[in-house]
C-alpha atoms as a PDB file:
ATOM      1  CA  MET A   1      -0.055  -0.139  -0.069  1.00  0.00           C
ATOM      2  CA  PHE A   2       2.608   2.682   1.311  1.00  0.00           C
ATOM      3  CA  GLU A   3       6.119   2.272   0.343  1.00  0.00           C
ATOM      4  CA  SER A   4       7.508   4.155   3.449  1.00  0.00           C
ATOM      5  CA  LEU A   5       6.259   5.879   6.348  1.00  0.00           C
ATOM      6  CA  ASP A   6       6.930   9.257   4.843  1.00  0.00           C
ATOM      7  CA  ASP A   7       4.488   8.391   2.172  1.00  0.00           C
ATOM      8  CA  GLN A   8       1.971   7.392   4.598  1.00  0.00           C
ATOM      9  CA  MET A   9       2.437  10.448   6.569  1.00  0.00           C
ATOM     10  CA  LYS A  10       2.161  12.705   3.462  1.00  0.00           C
ATOM     11  CA  SER A  11      -1.232  11.031   2.615  1.00  0.00           C
ATOM     12  CA  ASP A  12      -2.658  11.461   6.064  1.00  0.00           C
ATOM     13  CA  ILE A  13      -1.647  15.136   6.005  1.00  0.00           C
ATOM     14  CA  ALA A  14      -3.342  15.651   2.826  1.00  0.00           C
ATOM     15  CA  ALA A  15      -6.389  13.987   3.808  1.00  0.00           C
ATOM     16  CA  GLY A  16      -6.701  15.442   7.176  1.00  0.00           C
ATOM     17  CA  SER A  17      -6.724  19.291   6.378  1.00  0.00           C
ATOM     18  CA  SER A  18      -8.369  21.499   3.761  1.00  0.00           C
ATOM     19  CA  LYS A  19      -6.590  24.075   1.763  1.00  0.00           C
ATOM     20  CA  LYS A  20      -8.577  26.641   3.798  1.00  0.00           C
ATOM     21  CA  GLU A  21      -6.744  25.253   7.174  1.00  0.00           C
ATOM     22  CA  ARG A  22      -3.583  24.994   5.868  1.00  0.00           C
ATOM     23  CA  ILE A  23      -3.682  28.627   4.335  1.00  0.00           C
ATOM     24  CA  LEU A  24      -5.236  29.774   8.118  1.00  0.00           C
ATOM     25  CA  CYS A  25      -2.110  27.999   9.732  1.00  0.00           C
ATOM     26  CA  TRP A  26       0.431  29.830   7.418  1.00  0.00           C
ATOM     27  CA  VAL A  27      -1.299  33.345   7.934  1.00  0.00           C
ATOM     28  CA  ALA A  28      -1.195  32.461  11.821  1.00  0.00           C
ATOM     29  CA  ALA A  29       2.437  31.564  11.492  1.00  0.00           C
ATOM     30  CA  ILE A  30       3.416  34.593   9.750  1.00  0.00           C
ATOM     31  CA  ALA A  31       1.386  36.753  12.022  1.00  0.00           C
ATOM     32  CA  ALA A  32       3.163  35.319  15.007  1.00  0.00           C
ATOM     33  CA  THR A  33       6.627  35.758  13.574  1.00  0.00           C
ATOM     34  CA  VAL A  34       5.772  39.479  12.981  1.00  0.00           C
ATOM     35  CA  LEU A  35       4.643  40.186  16.343  1.00  0.00           C
ATOM     36  CA  VAL A  36       7.640  38.491  18.122  1.00  0.00           C
ATOM     37  CA  LEU A  37      10.071  40.166  15.584  1.00  0.00           C
ATOM     38  CA  GLY A  38       8.212  43.585  15.982  1.00  0.00           C
ATOM     39  CA  GLY A  39       8.359  43.413  19.757  1.00  0.00           C
ATOM     40  CA  LEU A  40      12.187  42.501  19.503  1.00  0.00           C
ATOM     41  CA  TYR A  41      12.856  45.413  17.328  1.00  0.00           C
ATOM     42  CA  LEU A  42      10.681  48.052  19.496  1.00  0.00           C
ATOM     43  CA  GLY A  43      12.726  46.566  22.515  1.00  0.00           C
ATOM     44  CA  VAL A  44      15.948  47.214  21.033  1.00  0.00           C
ATOM     45  CA  LYS A  45      14.799  50.759  19.852  1.00  0.00           C
ATOM     46  CA  MET A  46      13.445  51.716  23.619  1.00  0.00           C
ATOM     47  CA  LEU A  47      16.916  50.567  24.862  1.00  0.00           C
ATOM     48  CA  GLU A  48      18.803  52.953  22.591  1.00  0.00           C
END
């Protein structure tokens, strides 16, 4: 059926999430990154 565990994992991921869910996950990750990096930037600017 599956040649490897990697193929099975890819199949499970594709079946378990829709395109909308994947896009929402990426948007949330990008927003969190911007917030963290922005906070670090502002923190350094306040120290100067």
